[in-house]
Amino acid sequence: MQTTKDIFDMIKSEMERDYSQADGIEATFQFNITGDDAGTYQVILGTDSGSVVEGDQEEADCTITMDSEDFKKMVDGELNGTEAFMGGQLQIDGDMGLALRLQDILSAYSGD
């Protein structure tokens, strides 16, 4: 079973391999992951490159808070981000427009 850290490491390596998937988005997404496999991670998207860091290094444009098990399901495509939000499994603070692009970014970089 993948850990939350494994998922963010995979996102980081996919981003380094092919940054074009970020599609011109310049933003910092912060993930506050709760539950059994908790952690705080940021996906920082810049003009030409991005990074993934553990902790809260930058001021976040969009903060996503969710349980680690729900997060893993969302990354695997078993849980739709919109449904998770409507069902209260996913909380969003900040730019809602960025949050709407999140599912595309996660699926692009989760190795699917």
PDB file of N, CA and C in Angstrom:
ATOM      1  N   MET A   1       0.853  -1.201   0.000  1.00  0.00           N
ATOM      2  CA  MET A   1       0.000   0.000   0.000  1.00  0.00           C
ATOM      3  C   MET A   1       0.883   1.243   0.000  1.00  0.00           C
ATOM      4  N   GLN A   2       0.590   2.138  -0.918  1.00  0.00           N
ATOM      5  CA  GLN A   2       1.352   3.382  -1.001  1.00  0.00           C
ATOM      6  C   GLN A   2       1.091   4.265   0.204  1.00  0.00           C
ATOM      7  N   THR A   3       2.140   4.953   0.636  1.00  0.00           N
ATOM      8  CA  THR A   3       1.965   5.952   1.684  1.00  0.00           C
ATOM      9  C   THR A   3       1.699   7.302   1.019  1.00  0.00           C
ATOM     10  N   THR A   4       1.244   8.247   1.825  1.00  0.00           N
ATOM     11  CA  THR A   4       1.043   9.605   1.319  1.00  0.00           C
ATOM     12  C   THR A   4       2.354  10.143   0.765  1.00  0.00           C
ATOM     13  N   LYS A   5       3.454   9.908   1.478  1.00  0.00           N
ATOM     14  CA  LYS A   5       4.768  10.382   1.026  1.00  0.00           C
ATOM     15  C   LYS A   5       5.127   9.748  -0.313  1.00  0.00           C
ATOM     16  N   ASP A   6       4.839   8.460  -0.505  1.00  0.00           N
ATOM     17  CA  ASP A   6       5.105   7.793  -1.792  1.00  0.00           C
ATOM     18  C   ASP A   6       4.388   8.512  -2.934  1.00  0.00           C
ATOM     19  N   ILE A   7       3.138   8.880  -2.688  1.00  0.00           N
ATOM     20  CA  ILE A   7       2.339   9.551  -3.725  1.00  0.00           C
ATOM     21  C   ILE A   7       2.974  10.885  -4.095  1.00  0.00           C
ATOM     22  N   PHE A   8       3.375  11.675  -3.092  1.00  0.00           N
ATOM     23  CA  PHE A   8       3.977  12.972  -3.393  1.00  0.00           C
ATOM     24  C   PHE A   8       5.352  12.811  -4.039  1.00  0.00           C
ATOM     25  N   ASP A   9       6.098  11.767  -3.665  1.00  0.00           N
ATOM     26  CA  ASP A   9       7.383  11.481  -4.331  1.00  0.00           C
ATOM     27  C   ASP A   9       7.152  11.142  -5.806  1.00  0.00           C
ATOM     28  N   MET A  10       6.095  10.381  -6.073  1.00  0.00           N
ATOM     29  CA  MET A  10       5.761  10.008  -7.450  1.00  0.00           C
ATOM     30  C   MET A  10       5.350  11.243  -8.251  1.00  0.00           C
ATOM     31  N   ILE A  11       4.545  12.107  -7.646  1.00  0.00           N
ATOM     32  CA  ILE A  11       4.140  13.354  -8.311  1.00  0.00           C
ATOM     33  C   ILE A  11       5.389  14.177  -8.649  1.00  0.00           C
ATOM     34  N   LYS A  12       6.315  14.246  -7.696  1.00  0.00           N
ATOM     35  CA  LYS A  12       7.549  15.014  -7.911  1.00  0.00           C
ATOM     36  C   LYS A  12       8.361  14.434  -9.067  1.00  0.00           C
ATOM     37  N   SER A  13       8.534  13.118  -9.115  1.00  0.00           N
ATOM     38  CA  SER A  13       9.349  12.527 -10.179  1.00  0.00           C
ATOM     39  C   SER A  13       8.669  12.661 -11.539  1.00  0.00           C
ATOM     40  N   GLU A  14       7.344  12.515 -11.579  1.00  0.00           N
ATOM     41  CA  GLU A  14       6.624  12.708 -12.843  1.00  0.00           C
ATOM     42  C   GLU A  14       6.719  14.162 -13.307  1.00  0.00           C
ATOM     43  N   MET A  15       6.672  15.091 -12.361  1.00  0.00           N
ATOM     44  CA  MET A  15       6.765  16.505 -12.694  1.00  0.00           C
ATOM     45  C   MET A  15       8.144  16.827 -13.261  1.00  0.00           C
ATOM     46  N   GLU A  16       9.186  16.218 -12.683  1.00  0.00           N
ATOM     47  CA  GLU A  16      10.543  16.445 -13.179  1.00  0.00           C
ATOM     48  C   GLU A  16      10.718  15.826 -14.567  1.00  0.00           C
ATOM     49  N   ARG A  17      10.023  14.729 -14.822  1.00  0.00           N
ATOM     50  CA  ARG A  17      10.120  14.038 -16.101  1.00  0.00           C
ATOM     51  C   ARG A  17       9.408  14.811 -17.215  1.00  0.00           C
ATOM     52  N   ASP A  18       8.219  15.346 -16.930  1.00  0.00           N
ATOM     53  CA  ASP A  18       7.425  16.033 -17.949  1.00  0.00           C
ATOM     54  C   ASP A  18       6.592  17.123 -17.294  1.00  0.00           C
ATOM     55  N   TYR A  19       7.134  18.334 -17.270  1.00  0.00           N
ATOM     56  CA  TYR A  19       6.447  19.420 -16.584  1.00  0.00           C
ATOM     57  C   TYR A  19       5.280  19.984 -17.391  1.00  0.00           C
ATOM     58  N   SER A  20       5.191  19.669 -18.674  1.00  0.00           N
ATOM     59  CA  SER A  20       4.170  20.263 -19.536  1.00  0.00           C
ATOM     60  C   SER A  20       2.744  19.971 -19.057  1.00  0.00           C
ATOM     61  N   GLN A  21       2.552  18.921 -18.266  1.00  0.00           N
ATOM     62  CA  GLN A  21       1.223  18.567 -17.770  1.00  0.00           C
ATOM     63  C   GLN A  21       0.619  19.663 -16.880  1.00  0.00           C
ATOM     64  N   ALA A  22       1.457  20.499 -16.303  1.00  0.00           N
ATOM     65  CA  ALA A  22       0.948  21.562 -15.416  1.00  0.00           C
ATOM     66  C   ALA A  22       0.216  22.647 -16.196  1.00  0.00           C
ATOM     67  N   ASP A  23       0.402  22.679 -17.515  1.00  0.00           N
ATOM     68  CA  ASP A  23      -0.429  23.497 -18.393  1.00  0.00           C
ATOM     69  C   ASP A  23      -0.470  24.975 -18.012  1.00  0.00           C
ATOM     70  N   GLY A  24       0.675  25.555 -17.695  1.00  0.00           N
ATOM     71  CA  GLY A  24       0.744  26.987 -17.448  1.00  0.00           C
ATOM     72  C   GLY A  24       0.162  27.463 -16.131  1.00  0.00           C
ATOM     73  N   ILE A  25      -0.133  26.556 -15.230  1.00  0.00           N
ATOM     74  CA  ILE A  25      -0.666  26.954 -13.924  1.00  0.00           C
ATOM     75  C   ILE A  25       0.491  27.414 -13.050  1.00  0.00           C
ATOM     76  N   GLU A  26       0.361  28.583 -12.460  1.00  0.00           N
ATOM     77  CA  GLU A  26       1.351  29.072 -11.505  1.00  0.00           C
ATOM     78  C   GLU A  26       0.640  29.217 -10.176  1.00  0.00           C
ATOM     79  N   ALA A  27       0.914  28.284  -9.269  1.00  0.00           N
ATOM     80  CA  ALA A  27       0.213  28.292  -7.987  1.00  0.00           C
ATOM     81  C   ALA A  27       0.896  27.362  -7.007  1.00  0.00           C
ATOM     82  N   THR A  28       0.590  27.564  -5.745  1.00  0.00           N
ATOM     83  CA  THR A  28       1.046  26.661  -4.700  1.00  0.00           C
ATOM     84  C   THR A  28      -0.172  25.990  -4.086  1.00  0.00           C
ATOM     85  N   PHE A  29      -0.209  24.663  -4.220  1.00  0.00           N
ATOM     86  CA  PHE A  29      -1.255  23.853  -3.607  1.00  0.00           C
ATOM     87  C   PHE A  29      -0.690  23.274  -2.319  1.00  0.00           C
ATOM     88  N   GLN A  30      -1.402  23.453  -1.231  1.00  0.00           N
ATOM     89  CA  GLN A  30      -0.999  22.828   0.024  1.00  0.00           C
ATOM     90  C   GLN A  30      -1.976  21.718   0.357  1.00  0.00           C
ATOM     91  N   PHE A  31      -1.440  20.578   0.744  1.00  0.00           N
ATOM     92  CA  PHE A  31      -2.247  19.426   1.123  1.00  0.00           C
ATOM     93  C   PHE A  31      -2.043  19.164   2.604  1.00  0.00           C
ATOM     94  N   ASN A  32      -3.102  19.349   3.371  1.00  0.00           N
ATOM     95  CA  ASN A  32      -3.085  18.999   4.788  1.00  0.00           C
ATOM     96  C   ASN A  32      -3.768  17.644   4.893  1.00  0.00           C
ATOM     97  N   ILE A  33      -2.967  16.601   4.966  1.00  0.00           N
ATOM     98  CA  ILE A  33      -3.479  15.242   4.985  1.00  0.00           C
ATOM     99  C   ILE A  33      -3.601  14.784   6.435  1.00  0.00           C
ATOM    100  N   THR A  34      -4.784  14.326   6.796  1.00  0.00           N
ATOM    101  CA  THR A  34      -5.059  13.908   8.171  1.00  0.00           C
ATOM    102  C   THR A  34      -5.206  12.387   8.229  1.00  0.00           C
ATOM    103  N   GLY A  35      -5.420  11.861   9.401  1.00  0.00           N
ATOM    104  CA  GLY A  35      -5.684  10.427   9.539  1.00  0.00           C
ATOM    105  C   GLY A  35      -4.432   9.623   9.837  1.00  0.00           C
ATOM    106  N   ASP A  36      -4.470   8.339   9.458  1.00  0.00           N
ATOM    107  CA  ASP A  36      -3.409   7.398   9.800  1.00  0.00           C
ATOM    108  C   ASP A  36      -2.078   7.708   9.133  1.00  0.00           C
ATOM    109  N   ASP A  37      -2.110   8.340   7.963  1.00  0.00           N
ATOM    110  CA  ASP A  37      -0.899   8.610   7.190  1.00  0.00           C
ATOM    111  C   ASP A  37      -0.798  10.112   6.942  1.00  0.00           C
ATOM    112  N   ALA A  38      -0.854  10.881   8.022  1.00  0.00           N
ATOM    113  CA  ALA A  38      -0.954  12.339   7.949  1.00  0.00           C
ATOM    114  C   ALA A  38       0.358  12.985   7.505  1.00  0.00           C
ATOM    115  N   GLY A  39       0.228  14.202   6.994  1.00  0.00           N
ATOM    116  CA  GLY A  39       1.387  15.001   6.615  1.00  0.00           C
ATOM    117  C   GLY A  39       0.927  16.264   5.916  1.00  0.00           C
ATOM    118  N   THR A  40       1.850  17.207   5.789  1.00  0.00           N
ATOM    119  CA  THR A  40       1.597  18.442   5.056  1.00  0.00           C
ATOM    120  C   THR A  40       2.581  18.501   3.900  1.00  0.00           C
ATOM    121  N   TYR A  41       2.045  18.692   2.710  1.00  0.00           N
ATOM    122  CA  TYR A  41       2.866  18.739   1.500  1.00  0.00           C
ATOM    123  C   TYR A  41       2.424  19.910   0.647  1.00  0.00           C
ATOM    124  N   GLN A  42       3.357  20.429  -0.144  1.00  0.00           N
ATOM    125  CA  GLN A  42       3.010  21.470  -1.097  1.00  0.00           C
ATOM    126  C   GLN A  42       3.476  21.059  -2.493  1.00  0.00           C
ATOM    127  N   VAL A  43       2.614  21.306  -3.459  1.00  0.00           N
ATOM    128  CA  VAL A  43       2.965  21.172  -4.864  1.00  0.00           C
ATOM    129  C   VAL A  43       3.052  22.603  -5.382  1.00  0.00           C
ATOM    130  N   ILE A  44       4.271  23.016  -5.736  1.00  0.00           N
ATOM    131  CA  ILE A  44       4.529  24.395  -6.141  1.00  0.00           C
ATOM    132  C   ILE A  44       4.755  24.405  -7.649  1.00  0.00           C
ATOM    133  N   LEU A  45       3.847  25.066  -8.354  1.00  0.00           N
ATOM    134  CA  LEU A  45       3.914  25.122  -9.811  1.00  0.00           C
ATOM    135  C   LEU A  45       4.351  26.513 -10.239  1.00  0.00           C
ATOM    136  N   GLY A  46       5.467  26.574 -10.968  1.00  0.00           N
ATOM    137  CA  GLY A  46       5.984  27.842 -11.460  1.00  0.00           C
ATOM    138  C   GLY A  46       5.839  27.926 -12.969  1.00  0.00           C
ATOM    139  N   THR A  47       6.459  28.914 -13.568  1.00  0.00           N
ATOM    140  CA  THR A  47       6.359  29.125 -15.007  1.00  0.00           C
ATOM    141  C   THR A  47       6.932  27.952 -15.794  1.00  0.00           C
ATOM    142  N   ASP A  48       8.134  27.532 -15.459  1.00  0.00           N
ATOM    143  CA  ASP A  48       8.826  26.503 -16.227  1.00  0.00           C
ATOM    144  C   ASP A  48       9.099  25.223 -15.463  1.00  0.00           C
ATOM    145  N   SER A  49       8.895  25.252 -14.170  1.00  0.00           N
ATOM    146  CA  SER A  49       9.195  24.058 -13.385  1.00  0.00           C
ATOM    147  C   SER A  49       8.367  24.071 -12.108  1.00  0.00           C
ATOM    148  N   GLY A  50       8.352  22.929 -11.459  1.00  0.00           N
ATOM    149  CA  GLY A  50       7.601  22.816 -10.222  1.00  0.00           C
ATOM    150  C   GLY A  50       8.374  22.001  -9.217  1.00  0.00           C
ATOM    151  N   SER A  51       7.870  21.975  -8.009  1.00  0.00           N
ATOM    152  CA  SER A  51       8.508  21.174  -6.980  1.00  0.00           C
ATOM    153  C   SER A  51       7.447  20.662  -6.016  1.00  0.00           C
ATOM    154  N   VAL A  52       7.840  19.655  -5.280  1.00  0.00           N
ATOM    155  CA  VAL A  52       6.995  19.096  -4.241  1.00  0.00           C
ATOM    156  C   VAL A  52       7.824  19.115  -2.967  1.00  0.00           C
ATOM    157  N   VAL A  53       7.279  19.711  -1.919  1.00  0.00           N
ATOM    158  CA  VAL A  53       8.009  19.804  -0.660  1.00  0.00           C
ATOM    159  C   VAL A  53       7.130  19.307   0.488  1.00  0.00           C
ATOM    160  N   GLU A  54       7.796  18.815   1.496  1.00  0.00           N
ATOM    161  CA  GLU A  54       7.086  18.422   2.710  1.00  0.00           C
ATOM    162  C   GLU A  54       7.076  19.630   3.626  1.00  0.00           C
ATOM    163  N   GLY A  55       5.937  19.901   4.240  1.00  0.00           N
ATOM    164  CA  GLY A  55       5.805  21.068   5.106  1.00  0.00           C
ATOM    165  C   GLY A  55       5.158  22.221   4.358  1.00  0.00           C
ATOM    166  N   ASP A  56       5.169  23.391   4.982  1.00  0.00           N
ATOM    167  CA  ASP A  56       4.540  24.564   4.355  1.00  0.00           C
ATOM    168  C   ASP A  56       5.593  25.626   4.089  1.00  0.00           C
ATOM    169  N   GLN A  57       6.270  25.476   2.971  1.00  0.00           N
ATOM    170  CA  GLN A  57       7.382  26.326   2.579  1.00  0.00           C
ATOM    171  C   GLN A  57       6.910  27.663   2.010  1.00  0.00           C
ATOM    172  N   GLU A  58       5.863  27.643   1.191  1.00  0.00           N
ATOM    173  CA  GLU A  58       5.356  28.844   0.522  1.00  0.00           C
ATOM    174  C   GLU A  58       3.965  29.176   1.059  1.00  0.00           C
ATOM    175  N   GLU A  59       3.528  30.406   0.778  1.00  0.00           N
ATOM    176  CA  GLU A  59       2.140  30.750   1.085  1.00  0.00           C
ATOM    177  C   GLU A  59       1.260  30.066   0.043  1.00  0.00           C
ATOM    178  N   ALA A  60       0.282  29.323   0.499  1.00  0.00           N
ATOM    179  CA  ALA A  60      -0.548  28.529  -0.418  1.00  0.00           C
ATOM    180  C   ALA A  60      -1.622  29.381  -1.081  1.00  0.00           C
ATOM    181  N   ASP A  61      -1.838  29.130  -2.373  1.00  0.00           N
ATOM    182  CA  ASP A  61      -2.940  29.747  -3.111  1.00  0.00           C
ATOM    183  C   ASP A  61      -4.224  28.944  -2.914  1.00  0.00           C
ATOM    184  N   CYS A  62      -4.056  27.653  -2.688  1.00  0.00           N
ATOM    185  CA  CYS A  62      -5.189  26.751  -2.526  1.00  0.00           C
ATOM    186  C   CYS A  62      -4.783  25.658  -1.534  1.00  0.00           C
ATOM    187  N   THR A  63      -5.547  25.497  -0.474  1.00  0.00           N
ATOM    188  CA  THR A  63      -5.239  24.489   0.540  1.00  0.00           C
ATOM    189  C   THR A  63      -6.327  23.426   0.555  1.00  0.00           C
ATOM    190  N   ILE A  64      -5.883  22.190   0.452  1.00  0.00           N
ATOM    191  CA  ILE A  64      -6.787  21.046   0.435  1.00  0.00           C
ATOM    192  C   ILE A  64      -6.566  20.266   1.714  1.00  0.00           C
ATOM    193  N   THR A  65      -7.638  19.997   2.433  1.00  0.00           N
ATOM    194  CA  THR A  65      -7.550  19.208   3.654  1.00  0.00           C
ATOM    195  C   THR A  65      -8.424  17.975   3.473  1.00  0.00           C
ATOM    196  N   MET A  66      -7.816  16.795   3.672  1.00  0.00           N
ATOM    197  CA  MET A  66      -8.591  15.564   3.581  1.00  0.00           C
ATOM    198  C   MET A  66      -7.874  14.416   4.278  1.00  0.00           C
ATOM    199  N   ASP A  67      -8.642  13.380   4.584  1.00  0.00           N
ATOM    200  CA  ASP A  67      -8.130  12.183   5.229  1.00  0.00           C
ATOM    201  C   ASP A  67      -7.207  11.435   4.267  1.00  0.00           C
ATOM    202  N   SER A  68      -6.177  10.811   4.797  1.00  0.00           N
ATOM    203  CA  SER A  68      -5.194  10.122   3.955  1.00  0.00           C
ATOM    204  C   SER A  68      -5.824   9.021   3.101  1.00  0.00           C
ATOM    205  N   GLU A  69      -6.769   8.274   3.653  1.00  0.00           N
ATOM    206  CA  GLU A  69      -7.401   7.200   2.873  1.00  0.00           C
ATOM    207  C   GLU A  69      -8.222   7.773   1.715  1.00  0.00           C
ATOM    208  N   ASP A  70      -8.946   8.868   1.970  1.00  0.00           N
ATOM    209  CA  ASP A  70      -9.722   9.506   0.906  1.00  0.00           C
ATOM    210  C   ASP A  70      -8.793  10.098  -0.152  1.00  0.00           C
ATOM    211  N   PHE A  71      -7.676  10.672   0.290  1.00  0.00           N
ATOM    212  CA  PHE A  71      -6.699  11.242  -0.642  1.00  0.00           C
ATOM    213  C   PHE A  71      -6.163  10.157  -1.585  1.00  0.00           C
ATOM    214  N   LYS A  72      -5.819   9.008  -1.030  1.00  0.00           N
ATOM    215  CA  LYS A  72      -5.298   7.906  -1.844  1.00  0.00           C
ATOM    216  C   LYS A  72      -6.351   7.439  -2.852  1.00  0.00           C
ATOM    217  N   LYS A  73      -7.600   7.384  -2.417  1.00  0.00           N
ATOM    218  CA  LYS A  73      -8.678   6.993  -3.332  1.00  0.00           C
ATOM    219  C   LYS A  73      -8.833   8.022  -4.450  1.00  0.00           C
ATOM    220  N   MET A  74      -8.701   9.311  -4.118  1.00  0.00           N
ATOM    221  CA  MET A  74      -8.835  10.355  -5.123  1.00  0.00           C
ATOM    222  C   MET A  74      -7.697  10.257  -6.136  1.00  0.00           C
ATOM    223  N   VAL A  75      -6.481  10.035  -5.673  1.00  0.00           N
ATOM    224  CA  VAL A  75      -5.336   9.913  -6.575  1.00  0.00           C
ATOM    225  C   VAL A  75      -5.494   8.684  -7.479  1.00  0.00           C
ATOM    226  N   ASP A  76      -6.027   7.607  -6.927  1.00  0.00           N
ATOM    227  CA  ASP A  76      -6.232   6.377  -7.708  1.00  0.00           C
ATOM    228  C   ASP A  76      -7.435   6.453  -8.640  1.00  0.00           C
ATOM    229  N   GLY A  77      -8.205   7.547  -8.552  1.00  0.00           N
ATOM    230  CA  GLY A  77      -9.371   7.696  -9.413  1.00  0.00           C
ATOM    231  C   GLY A  77     -10.612   7.003  -8.881  1.00  0.00           C
ATOM    232  N   GLU A  78     -10.557   6.514  -7.644  1.00  0.00           N
ATOM    233  CA  GLU A  78     -11.709   5.836  -7.050  1.00  0.00           C
ATOM    234  C   GLU A  78     -12.672   6.824  -6.385  1.00  0.00           C
ATOM    235  N   LEU A  79     -12.202   8.037  -6.164  1.00  0.00           N
ATOM    236  CA  LEU A  79     -13.017   9.064  -5.520  1.00  0.00           C
ATOM    237  C   LEU A  79     -12.911  10.330  -6.350  1.00  0.00           C
ATOM    238  N   ASN A  80     -14.039  10.841  -6.788  1.00  0.00           N
ATOM    239  CA  ASN A  80     -14.084  12.070  -7.566  1.00  0.00           C
ATOM    240  C   ASN A  80     -13.918  13.260  -6.624  1.00  0.00           C
ATOM    241  N   GLY A  81     -13.058  14.203  -7.010  1.00  0.00           N
ATOM    242  CA  GLY A  81     -12.787  15.362  -6.159  1.00  0.00           C
ATOM    243  C   GLY A  81     -14.020  16.193  -5.871  1.00  0.00           C
ATOM    244  N   THR A  82     -14.864  16.380  -6.883  1.00  0.00           N
ATOM    245  CA  THR A  82     -16.088  17.164  -6.690  1.00  0.00           C
ATOM    246  C   THR A  82     -17.028  16.463  -5.717  1.00  0.00           C
ATOM    247  N   GLU A  83     -17.183  15.148  -5.898  1.00  0.00           N
ATOM    248  CA  GLU A  83     -18.047  14.384  -4.982  1.00  0.00           C
ATOM    249  C   GLU A  83     -17.490  14.399  -3.567  1.00  0.00           C
ATOM    250  N   ALA A  84     -16.166  14.308  -3.441  1.00  0.00           N
ATOM    251  CA  ALA A  84     -15.537  14.347  -2.115  1.00  0.00           C
ATOM    252  C   ALA A  84     -15.804  15.692  -1.442  1.00  0.00           C
ATOM    253  N   PHE A  85     -15.728  16.773  -2.228  1.00  0.00           N
ATOM    254  CA  PHE A  85     -15.984  18.107  -1.694  1.00  0.00           C
ATOM    255  C   PHE A  85     -17.439  18.232  -1.247  1.00  0.00           C
ATOM    256  N   MET A  86     -18.349  17.800  -2.112  1.00  0.00           N
ATOM    257  CA  MET A  86     -19.778  17.893  -1.792  1.00  0.00           C
ATOM    258  C   MET A  86     -20.139  17.019  -0.594  1.00  0.00           C
ATOM    259  N   GLY A  87     -19.435  15.911  -0.436  1.00  0.00           N
ATOM    260  CA  GLY A  87     -19.703  14.990   0.663  1.00  0.00           C
ATOM    261  C   GLY A  87     -18.981  15.334   1.953  1.00  0.00           C
ATOM    262  N   GLY A  88     -18.210  16.433   1.934  1.00  0.00           N
ATOM    263  CA  GLY A  88     -17.521  16.861   3.145  1.00  0.00           C
ATOM    264  C   GLY A  88     -16.224  16.112   3.431  1.00  0.00           C
ATOM    265  N   GLN A  89     -15.770  15.272   2.479  1.00  0.00           N
ATOM    266  CA  GLN A  89     -14.526  14.536   2.683  1.00  0.00           C
ATOM    267  C   GLN A  89     -13.306  15.372   2.304  1.00  0.00           C
ATOM    268  N   LEU A  90     -13.549  16.484   1.617  1.00  0.00           N
ATOM    269  CA  LEU A  90     -12.488  17.334   1.100  1.00  0.00           C
ATOM    270  C   LEU A  90     -12.846  18.783   1.405  1.00  0.00           C
ATOM    271  N   GLN A  91     -11.958  19.472   2.101  1.00  0.00           N
ATOM    272  CA  GLN A  91     -12.174  20.891   2.382  1.00  0.00           C
ATOM    273  C   GLN A  91     -11.175  21.694   1.561  1.00  0.00           C
ATOM    274  N   ILE A  92     -11.652  22.826   1.031  1.00  0.00           N
ATOM    275  CA  ILE A  92     -10.810  23.690   0.207  1.00  0.00           C
ATOM    276  C   ILE A  92     -10.825  25.093   0.785  1.00  0.00           C
ATOM    277  N   ASP A  93      -9.627  25.659   0.937  1.00  0.00           N
ATOM    278  CA  ASP A  93      -9.481  27.059   1.327  1.00  0.00           C
ATOM    279  C   ASP A  93      -8.671  27.740   0.234  1.00  0.00           C
ATOM    280  N   GLY A  94      -9.095  28.943  -0.139  1.00  0.00           N
ATOM    281  CA  GLY A  94      -8.348  29.681  -1.150  1.00  0.00           C
ATOM    282  C   GLY A  94      -9.051  29.669  -2.489  1.00  0.00           C
ATOM    283  N   ASP A  95      -8.255  29.648  -3.549  1.00  0.00           N
ATOM    284  CA  ASP A  95      -8.736  29.808  -4.920  1.00  0.00           C
ATOM    285  C   ASP A  95      -9.495  28.564  -5.398  1.00  0.00           C
ATOM    286  N   MET A  96     -10.804  28.677  -5.501  1.00  0.00           N
ATOM    287  CA  MET A  96     -11.643  27.552  -5.905  1.00  0.00           C
ATOM    288  C   MET A  96     -11.375  27.162  -7.363  1.00  0.00           C
ATOM    289  N   GLY A  97     -11.035  28.124  -8.211  1.00  0.00           N
ATOM    290  CA  GLY A  97     -10.713  27.829  -9.604  1.00  0.00           C
ATOM    291  C   GLY A  97      -9.513  26.894  -9.711  1.00  0.00           C
ATOM    292  N   LEU A  98      -8.512  27.113  -8.871  1.00  0.00           N
ATOM    293  CA  LEU A  98      -7.348  26.222  -8.853  1.00  0.00           C
ATOM    294  C   LEU A  98      -7.749  24.835  -8.374  1.00  0.00           C
ATOM    295  N   ALA A  99      -8.618  24.792  -7.390  1.00  0.00           N
ATOM    296  CA  ALA A  99      -9.061  23.502  -6.854  1.00  0.00           C
ATOM    297  C   ALA A  99      -9.737  22.677  -7.942  1.00  0.00           C
ATOM    298  N   LEU A 100     -10.470  23.335  -8.830  1.00  0.00           N
ATOM    299  CA  LEU A 100     -11.147  22.626  -9.907  1.00  0.00           C
ATOM    300  C   LEU A 100     -10.160  21.998 -10.890  1.00  0.00           C
ATOM    301  N   ARG A 101      -8.975  22.570 -11.009  1.00  0.00           N
ATOM    302  CA  ARG A 101      -7.946  22.022 -11.915  1.00  0.00           C
ATOM    303  C   ARG A 101      -7.143  20.914 -11.242  1.00  0.00           C
ATOM    304  N   LEU A 102      -7.317  20.768  -9.939  1.00  0.00           N
ATOM    305  CA  LEU A 102      -6.503  19.842  -9.166  1.00  0.00           C
ATOM    306  C   LEU A 102      -6.626  18.397  -9.620  1.00  0.00           C
ATOM    307  N   GLN A 103      -7.834  17.939  -9.905  1.00  0.00           N
ATOM    308  CA  GLN A 103      -8.033  16.548 -10.309  1.00  0.00           C
ATOM    309  C   GLN A 103      -7.211  16.238 -11.561  1.00  0.00           C
ATOM    310  N   ASP A 104      -7.199  17.172 -12.513  1.00  0.00           N
ATOM    311  CA  ASP A 104      -6.419  16.977 -13.738  1.00  0.00           C
ATOM    312  C   ASP A 104      -4.928  16.892 -13.430  1.00  0.00           C
ATOM    313  N   ILE A 105      -4.469  17.767 -12.556  1.00  0.00           N
ATOM    314  CA  ILE A 105      -3.047  17.776 -12.208  1.00  0.00           C
ATOM    315  C   ILE A 105      -2.664  16.474 -11.509  1.00  0.00           C
ATOM    316  N   LEU A 106      -3.473  16.057 -10.540  1.00  0.00           N
ATOM    317  CA  LEU A 106      -3.163  14.824  -9.814  1.00  0.00           C
ATOM    318  C   LEU A 106      -3.151  13.618 -10.737  1.00  0.00           C
ATOM    319  N   SER A 107      -4.128  13.533 -11.632  1.00  0.00           N
ATOM    320  CA  SER A 107      -4.166  12.367 -12.513  1.00  0.00           C
ATOM    321  C   SER A 107      -3.004  12.411 -13.497  1.00  0.00           C
ATOM    322  N   ALA A 108      -2.597  13.595 -13.931  1.00  0.00           N
ATOM    323  CA  ALA A 108      -1.471  13.711 -14.861  1.00  0.00           C
ATOM    324  C   ALA A 108      -0.172  13.262 -14.207  1.00  0.00           C
ATOM    325  N   TYR A 109      -0.015  13.542 -12.937  1.00  0.00           N
ATOM    326  CA  TYR A 109       1.260  13.283 -12.265  1.00  0.00           C
ATOM    327  C   TYR A 109       1.259  12.074 -11.348  1.00  0.00           C
ATOM    328  N   SER A 110       0.177  11.361 -11.277  1.00  0.00           N
ATOM    329  CA  SER A 110       0.162  10.188 -10.383  1.00  0.00           C
ATOM    330  C   SER A 110       0.565   8.911 -11.114  1.00  0.00           C
ATOM    331  N   GLY A 111       1.062   9.065 -12.348  1.00  0.00           N
ATOM    332  CA  GLY A 111       1.588   7.926 -13.078  1.00  0.00           C
ATOM    333  C   GLY A 111       0.536   7.139 -13.836  1.00  0.00           C
ATOM    334  N   ASP A 112      -0.691   7.652 -13.914  1.00  0.00           N
ATOM    335  CA  ASP A 112      -1.755   6.935 -14.648  1.00  0.00           C
ATOM    336  C   ASP A 112      -1.589   7.085 -16.142  1.00  0.00           C
TER     337      ASP A 112
END
